[in-house]
Amino acid sequence: MSRPSSPRTGWLAYYDELVGVWSRRTGNRHDAEDAAHDAIERLLKADASVALKARGYLFQAAGHRLIDRWRRQDRAEHIPWDDLDEADQQVLEDADAPVRAARLADDLAKVLAELPPKCREAFVLNRIEGWTQAEVAAHMGLSKNMIERYVMRAIEYVRDRLREHNP
């Protein structure tokens, strides 16, 4: 099966495909874009023989970059805030923090209410309640792939709608 022709040439012709594939595999478009940019940077610094096999090189380099990122994340131990000693909990004095937190919680509730019911349920169970996608799929009677799509759609929607709260 041949790919549709694109007016783009060189590595640019593969950019959208590369980001799309790795976004679906990782569930995180930002990580996929970072990996693609790093792979393209390495391709541009490589010799001409590598450029002849640009597509394969980009996919392999992006995959290695994402694996490295996952390994680094696995090494970083997550310690819940409540388990830290008080001396290790840095607290910044910010009188407006409770007001901003309450506003963010209210806005999040409004944005979640805007989502379609199944999308909202999948997001809440997975991202807020901490259920795995497999558990959510079994609970809702849907496929794991459908839950993944619902969660990603909700994440993008919430991120876009709550952009003003980003520090």
C-alpha atoms as a PDB file:
ATOM      1  CA  MET A   1       0.000   0.000   0.000  1.00  0.00           C
ATOM      2  CA  SER A   2       1.567   3.296  -1.042  1.00  0.00           C
ATOM      3  CA  ARG A   3       1.504   6.447   1.005  1.00  0.00           C
ATOM      4  CA  PRO A   4      -0.284   9.508  -0.343  1.00  0.00           C
ATOM      5  CA  SER A   5       2.116  11.952  -1.933  1.00  0.00           C
ATOM      6  CA  SER A   6       2.958  14.999   0.090  1.00  0.00           C
ATOM      7  CA  PRO A   7       4.239  18.378  -1.058  1.00  0.00           C
ATOM      8  CA  ARG A   8       6.683  18.165   1.880  1.00  0.00           C
ATOM      9  CA  THR A   9      10.073  16.645   1.262  1.00  0.00           C
ATOM     10  CA  GLY A  10      12.843  15.177   3.409  1.00  0.00           C
ATOM     11  CA  TRP A  11      12.271  14.744   7.121  1.00  0.00           C
ATOM     12  CA  LEU A  12       9.347  17.172   7.097  1.00  0.00           C
ATOM     13  CA  ALA A  13       7.343  14.690   5.040  1.00  0.00           C
ATOM     14  CA  TYR A  14       7.519  12.237   7.972  1.00  0.00           C
ATOM     15  CA  TYR A  15       6.940  14.647  10.864  1.00  0.00           C
ATOM     16  CA  ASP A  16       3.147  14.348  11.161  1.00  0.00           C
ATOM     17  CA  GLU A  17       3.263  10.573  10.786  1.00  0.00           C
ATOM     18  CA  LEU A  18       6.047  10.275  13.361  1.00  0.00           C
ATOM     19  CA  VAL A  19       4.291  12.418  15.958  1.00  0.00           C
ATOM     20  CA  GLY A  20       0.954  10.711  15.316  1.00  0.00           C
ATOM     21  CA  VAL A  21       2.312   7.189  15.710  1.00  0.00           C
ATOM     22  CA  TRP A  22       4.271   7.950  18.876  1.00  0.00           C
ATOM     23  CA  SER A  23       1.369   9.982  20.340  1.00  0.00           C
ATOM     24  CA  ARG A  24      -0.878   6.954  20.014  1.00  0.00           C
ATOM     25  CA  ARG A  25       1.759   4.616  21.426  1.00  0.00           C
ATOM     26  CA  THR A  26       2.659   6.780  24.410  1.00  0.00           C
ATOM     27  CA  GLY A  27      -0.672   8.468  25.026  1.00  0.00           C
ATOM     28  CA  ASN A  28       1.185  11.774  25.296  1.00  0.00           C
ATOM     29  CA  ARG A  29       1.526  14.097  22.313  1.00  0.00           C
ATOM     30  CA  HIS A  30       4.025  16.372  24.061  1.00  0.00           C
ATOM     31  CA  ASP A  31       6.453  13.500  24.708  1.00  0.00           C
ATOM     32  CA  ALA A  32       6.018  12.380  21.094  1.00  0.00           C
ATOM     33  CA  GLU A  33       6.769  15.879  19.803  1.00  0.00           C
ATOM     34  CA  ASP A  34       9.854  16.130  22.036  1.00  0.00           C
ATOM     35  CA  ALA A  35      11.101  12.774  20.789  1.00  0.00           C
ATOM     36  CA  ALA A  36      10.429  13.754  17.164  1.00  0.00           C
ATOM     37  CA  HIS A  37      12.288  17.031  17.550  1.00  0.00           C
ATOM     38  CA  ASP A  38      15.279  15.289  19.117  1.00  0.00           C
ATOM     39  CA  ALA A  39      15.286  12.653  16.367  1.00  0.00           C
ATOM     40  CA  ILE A  40      15.122  15.319  13.655  1.00  0.00           C
ATOM     41  CA  GLU A  41      17.938  17.255  15.287  1.00  0.00           C
ATOM     42  CA  ARG A  42      20.076  14.102  15.322  1.00  0.00           C
ATOM     43  CA  LEU A  43      19.160  13.404  11.682  1.00  0.00           C
ATOM     44  CA  LEU A  44      20.210  16.895  10.615  1.00  0.00           C
ATOM     45  CA  LYS A  45      23.569  16.442  12.365  1.00  0.00           C
ATOM     46  CA  ALA A  46      24.137  12.991  10.837  1.00  0.00           C
ATOM     47  CA  ASP A  47      25.985  12.313   7.589  1.00  0.00           C
ATOM     48  CA  ALA A  48      24.295  12.120   4.183  1.00  0.00           C
ATOM     49  CA  SER A  49      23.994   8.309   4.187  1.00  0.00           C
ATOM     50  CA  VAL A  50      21.594   8.521   7.131  1.00  0.00           C
ATOM     51  CA  ALA A  51      19.450  11.111   5.360  1.00  0.00           C
ATOM     52  CA  LEU A  52      18.730   8.593   2.599  1.00  0.00           C
ATOM     53  CA  LYS A  53      16.929   6.436   5.172  1.00  0.00           C
ATOM     54  CA  ALA A  54      15.293   9.351   7.003  1.00  0.00           C
ATOM     55  CA  ARG A  55      11.942   7.726   7.817  1.00  0.00           C
ATOM     56  CA  GLY A  56      13.397   4.613   9.423  1.00  0.00           C
ATOM     57  CA  TYR A  57      16.037   6.621  11.232  1.00  0.00           C
ATOM     58  CA  LEU A  58      13.487   9.064  12.648  1.00  0.00           C
ATOM     59  CA  PHE A  59      11.167   6.338  13.924  1.00  0.00           C
ATOM     60  CA  GLN A  60      14.022   4.414  15.514  1.00  0.00           C
ATOM     61  CA  ALA A  61      15.623   7.506  17.075  1.00  0.00           C
ATOM     62  CA  ALA A  62      12.276   8.738  18.447  1.00  0.00           C
ATOM     63  CA  GLY A  63      11.587   5.289  19.897  1.00  0.00           C
ATOM     64  CA  HIS A  64      14.960   5.226  21.641  1.00  0.00           C
ATOM     65  CA  ARG A  65      14.365   8.738  23.006  1.00  0.00           C
ATOM     66  CA  LEU A  66      10.987   7.721  24.463  1.00  0.00           C
ATOM     67  CA  ILE A  67      12.430   4.548  25.993  1.00  0.00           C
ATOM     68  CA  ASP A  68      15.164   6.628  27.637  1.00  0.00           C
ATOM     69  CA  ARG A  69      12.542   8.985  29.028  1.00  0.00           C
ATOM     70  CA  TRP A  70      10.471   6.075  30.445  1.00  0.00           C
ATOM     71  CA  ARG A  71      13.582   4.600  32.072  1.00  0.00           C
ATOM     72  CA  ARG A  72      14.424   7.925  33.708  1.00  0.00           C
ATOM     73  CA  GLN A  73      10.856   8.249  34.979  1.00  0.00           C
ATOM     74  CA  ASP A  74      10.961   4.726  36.438  1.00  0.00           C
ATOM     75  CA  ARG A  75      14.134   5.599  38.354  1.00  0.00           C
ATOM     76  CA  ALA A  76      12.585   8.698  39.912  1.00  0.00           C
ATOM     77  CA  GLU A  77      10.853   7.416  43.027  1.00  0.00           C
ATOM     78  CA  HIS A  78       7.493   8.972  43.707  1.00  0.00           C
ATOM     79  CA  ILE A  79       6.909   9.830  47.354  1.00  0.00           C
ATOM     80  CA  PRO A  80       3.434  11.042  48.310  1.00  0.00           C
ATOM     81  CA  TRP A  81       3.357  14.505  49.858  1.00  0.00           C
ATOM     82  CA  ASP A  82       1.794  13.135  53.051  1.00  0.00           C
ATOM     83  CA  ASP A  83       4.716  10.707  53.553  1.00  0.00           C
ATOM     84  CA  LEU A  84       7.337  13.474  53.617  1.00  0.00           C
ATOM     85  CA  ASP A  85       8.597  14.911  56.888  1.00  0.00           C
ATOM     86  CA  GLU A  86       7.400  18.449  57.551  1.00  0.00           C
ATOM     87  CA  ALA A  87      10.971  19.709  57.148  1.00  0.00           C
ATOM     88  CA  ASP A  88      11.033  18.298  53.593  1.00  0.00           C
ATOM     89  CA  GLN A  89       7.735  19.945  52.615  1.00  0.00           C
ATOM     90  CA  GLN A  90       8.600  23.338  51.261  1.00  0.00           C
ATOM     91  CA  VAL A  91       5.692  25.676  51.709  1.00  0.00           C
ATOM     92  CA  LEU A  92       5.578  28.999  49.927  1.00  0.00           C
ATOM     93  CA  GLU A  93       3.614  31.748  51.553  1.00  0.00           C
ATOM     94  CA  ASP A  94       0.871  32.622  49.111  1.00  0.00           C
ATOM     95  CA  ALA A  95      -2.295  34.153  50.485  1.00  0.00           C
ATOM     96  CA  ASP A  96      -4.110  33.736  47.139  1.00  0.00           C
ATOM     97  CA  ALA A  97      -3.406  30.010  46.814  1.00  0.00           C
ATOM     98  CA  PRO A  98      -6.644  28.810  48.476  1.00  0.00           C
ATOM     99  CA  VAL A  99      -8.716  31.138  46.297  1.00  0.00           C
ATOM    100  CA  ARG A 100      -6.946  29.990  43.113  1.00  0.00           C
ATOM    101  CA  ALA A 101      -7.296  26.330  44.136  1.00  0.00           C
ATOM    102  CA  ALA A 102     -11.024  26.746  44.773  1.00  0.00           C
ATOM    103  CA  ARG A 103     -11.468  28.525  41.431  1.00  0.00           C
ATOM    104  CA  LEU A 104      -9.525  25.781  39.640  1.00  0.00           C
ATOM    105  CA  ALA A 105     -11.659  23.080  41.295  1.00  0.00           C
ATOM    106  CA  ASP A 106     -14.855  24.886  40.283  1.00  0.00           C
ATOM    107  CA  ASP A 107     -13.641  25.385  36.728  1.00  0.00           C
ATOM    108  CA  LEU A 108     -12.537  21.739  36.492  1.00  0.00           C
ATOM    109  CA  ALA A 109     -15.991  20.594  37.606  1.00  0.00           C
ATOM    110  CA  LYS A 110     -17.604  22.822  34.942  1.00  0.00           C
ATOM    111  CA  VAL A 111     -15.245  21.576  32.203  1.00  0.00           C
ATOM    112  CA  LEU A 112     -15.816  17.937  33.164  1.00  0.00           C
ATOM    113  CA  ALA A 113     -19.579  18.533  33.000  1.00  0.00           C
ATOM    114  CA  GLU A 114     -19.133  19.673  29.374  1.00  0.00           C
ATOM    115  CA  LEU A 115     -17.650  16.304  28.346  1.00  0.00           C
ATOM    116  CA  PRO A 116     -19.843  13.543  26.904  1.00  0.00           C
ATOM    117  CA  PRO A 117     -20.926  11.176  29.733  1.00  0.00           C
ATOM    118  CA  LYS A 118     -18.811   8.146  28.739  1.00  0.00           C
ATOM    119  CA  CYS A 119     -15.763  10.295  28.077  1.00  0.00           C
ATOM    120  CA  ARG A 120     -16.190  12.009  31.461  1.00  0.00           C
ATOM    121  CA  GLU A 121     -16.677   8.705  33.304  1.00  0.00           C
ATOM    122  CA  ALA A 122     -13.575   7.161  31.710  1.00  0.00           C
ATOM    123  CA  PHE A 123     -11.481  10.248  32.536  1.00  0.00           C
ATOM    124  CA  VAL A 124     -12.676  10.515  36.131  1.00  0.00           C
ATOM    125  CA  LEU A 125     -12.173   6.816  36.868  1.00  0.00           C
ATOM    126  CA  ASN A 126      -8.751   6.680  35.215  1.00  0.00           C
ATOM    127  CA  ARG A 127      -7.156  10.037  36.011  1.00  0.00           C
ATOM    128  CA  ILE A 128      -8.915  11.104  39.195  1.00  0.00           C
ATOM    129  CA  GLU A 129      -9.845   7.813  40.891  1.00  0.00           C
ATOM    130  CA  GLY A 130      -6.651   6.085  39.724  1.00  0.00           C
ATOM    131  CA  TRP A 131      -8.189   3.050  38.019  1.00  0.00           C
ATOM    132  CA  THR A 132      -6.213   1.379  35.250  1.00  0.00           C
ATOM    133  CA  GLN A 133      -7.591   1.597  31.738  1.00  0.00           C
ATOM    134  CA  ALA A 134      -8.257  -2.143  31.833  1.00  0.00           C
ATOM    135  CA  GLU A 135     -10.309  -1.740  35.022  1.00  0.00           C
ATOM    136  CA  VAL A 136     -12.269   1.161  33.511  1.00  0.00           C
ATOM    137  CA  ALA A 137     -12.889  -0.852  30.329  1.00  0.00           C
ATOM    138  CA  ALA A 138     -14.211  -3.832  32.304  1.00  0.00           C
ATOM    139  CA  HIS A 139     -16.397  -1.565  34.472  1.00  0.00           C
ATOM    140  CA  MET A 140     -17.866   0.317  31.494  1.00  0.00           C
ATOM    141  CA  GLY A 141     -18.114  -2.731  29.218  1.00  0.00           C
ATOM    142  CA  LEU A 142     -15.946  -1.116  26.535  1.00  0.00           C
ATOM    143  CA  SER A 143     -12.619  -1.983  24.924  1.00  0.00           C
ATOM    144  CA  LYS A 144      -9.376  -0.746  26.422  1.00  0.00           C
ATOM    145  CA  ASN A 145      -8.677   1.121  23.159  1.00  0.00           C
ATOM    146  CA  MET A 146     -11.974   2.990  23.455  1.00  0.00           C
ATOM    147  CA  ILE A 147     -11.165   3.959  27.056  1.00  0.00           C
ATOM    148  CA  GLU A 148      -7.753   5.170  25.920  1.00  0.00           C
ATOM    149  CA  ARG A 149      -9.396   7.331  23.253  1.00  0.00           C
ATOM    150  CA  TYR A 150     -11.924   8.737  25.736  1.00  0.00           C
ATOM    151  CA  VAL A 151      -9.204   9.564  28.268  1.00  0.00           C
ATOM    152  CA  MET A 152      -6.946  11.229  25.680  1.00  0.00           C
ATOM    153  CA  ARG A 153      -9.862  13.234  24.285  1.00  0.00           C
ATOM    154  CA  ALA A 154     -10.775  14.375  27.796  1.00  0.00           C
ATOM    155  CA  ILE A 155      -7.171  15.276  28.660  1.00  0.00           C
ATOM    156  CA  GLU A 156      -6.843  17.445  25.561  1.00  0.00           C
ATOM    157  CA  TYR A 157     -10.207  19.098  26.175  1.00  0.00           C
ATOM    158  CA  VAL A 158      -9.497  19.797  29.866  1.00  0.00           C
ATOM    159  CA  ARG A 159      -5.994  21.072  29.062  1.00  0.00           C
ATOM    160  CA  ASP A 160      -7.337  23.468  26.421  1.00  0.00           C
ATOM    161  CA  ARG A 161     -10.191  24.734  28.571  1.00  0.00           C
ATOM    162  CA  LEU A 162      -8.095  25.205  31.722  1.00  0.00           C
ATOM    163  CA  ARG A 163      -5.105  26.782  29.974  1.00  0.00           C
ATOM    164  CA  GLU A 164      -5.615  30.042  31.885  1.00  0.00           C
ATOM    165  CA  HIS A 165      -4.838  28.232  35.150  1.00  0.00           C
ATOM    166  CA  ASN A 166      -1.402  27.170  33.922  1.00  0.00           C
ATOM    167  CA  PRO A 167       1.248  29.016  35.936  1.00  0.00           C
END
